[in-house]
Amino acid sequence: MTEPHYPQIILSFAYRGCKIEIDRDQSDGHCIYAAWVNHAQGCAVAVPSATTPMDAIRRAKQWIDQEFVSV
């Protein structure tokens, strides 16, 4: 049986009515980051893999802007 992945949320904040959570994990000895976006309809992994927390944040904000604001 494989080990379940439990998110290690290192940062959480609100942006345009959504909650962005930055998750840190390791792959091949390097830290990788993902961005989860929680919103009224549910939650999504907006950024599955980023090399820095700032990159994950920037891309998560872009994802929110594309999915919700431009509609």
Protein backbone atom coordinates (compact mmCIF):
# COMPACT_ATOMS: atom_id res chain seq x y z
CA MET A 1 0.00 0.00 0.00
CA THR A 2 1.30 3.47 -0.85
CA GLU A 3 1.69 6.16 1.76
CA PRO A 4 -1.07 8.78 1.70
CA HIS A 5 -0.02 12.36 1.07
CA TYR A 6 -0.95 14.78 3.81
CA PRO A 7 -0.55 18.40 2.74
CA GLN A 8 1.99 20.46 4.68
CA ILE A 9 0.39 23.88 4.43
CA ILE A 10 3.06 26.51 5.04
CA LEU A 11 1.03 29.59 4.11
CA SER A 12 -2.66 30.40 3.80
CA PHE A 13 -4.37 33.66 2.86
CA ALA A 14 -7.48 35.12 1.22
CA TYR A 15 -7.51 36.47 -2.32
CA ARG A 16 -10.64 37.74 -4.12
CA GLY A 17 -13.04 35.67 -2.06
CA CYS A 18 -10.96 32.51 -2.26
CA LYS A 19 -8.51 30.96 0.16
CA ILE A 20 -5.07 30.06 -1.23
CA GLU A 21 -3.06 27.42 0.61
CA ILE A 22 0.58 26.77 -0.25
CA ASP A 23 1.71 23.18 0.28
CA ARG A 24 5.35 22.08 0.52
CA ASP A 25 6.60 18.59 -0.36
CA GLN A 26 9.84 16.95 -1.45
CA SER A 27 10.73 15.24 -4.69
CA ASP A 28 14.20 13.79 -5.32
CA GLY A 29 15.50 15.73 -2.33
CA HIS A 30 14.21 19.10 -3.57
CA CYS A 31 11.34 21.13 -2.15
CA ILE A 32 8.38 21.57 -4.45
CA TYR A 33 5.31 23.68 -3.82
CA ALA A 34 1.66 23.40 -4.81
CA ALA A 35 -1.20 25.85 -4.47
CA TRP A 36 -4.68 24.77 -3.41
CA VAL A 37 -7.57 27.17 -3.97
CA ASN A 38 -10.67 26.85 -1.79
CA HIS A 39 -13.77 28.62 -3.09
CA ALA A 40 -17.55 28.54 -2.68
CA GLN A 41 -17.96 25.67 -5.16
CA GLY A 42 -15.21 23.47 -3.66
CA CYS A 43 -11.46 23.31 -3.94
CA ALA A 44 -8.89 22.75 -6.67
CA VAL A 45 -5.18 22.27 -7.08
CA ALA A 46 -4.52 25.42 -9.09
CA VAL A 47 -0.76 24.88 -9.23
CA PRO A 48 0.34 21.25 -8.99
CA SER A 49 4.08 22.00 -8.97
CA ALA A 50 6.20 25.12 -8.53
CA THR A 51 9.84 25.59 -7.61
CA THR A 52 9.30 28.44 -5.13
CA PRO A 53 6.45 29.55 -2.85
CA MET A 54 6.33 32.92 -4.65
CA ASP A 55 5.89 31.20 -8.02
CA ALA A 56 3.05 29.07 -6.60
CA ILE A 57 1.36 32.19 -5.18
CA ARG A 58 1.70 34.15 -8.43
CA ARG A 59 0.30 31.29 -10.51
CA ALA A 60 -2.56 30.64 -8.04
CA LYS A 61 -3.61 34.29 -8.25
CA GLN A 62 -3.52 34.07 -12.06
CA TRP A 63 -5.66 30.91 -11.89
CA ILE A 64 -8.25 32.68 -9.72
CA ASP A 65 -8.27 35.72 -12.01
CA GLN A 66 -8.88 33.49 -15.05
CA GLU A 67 -11.47 31.22 -13.44
CA PHE A 68 -13.58 33.71 -11.49
CA VAL A 69 -12.90 37.36 -12.27
CA SER A 70 -13.01 37.29 -16.07
CA VAL A 71 -16.33 35.40 -16.14
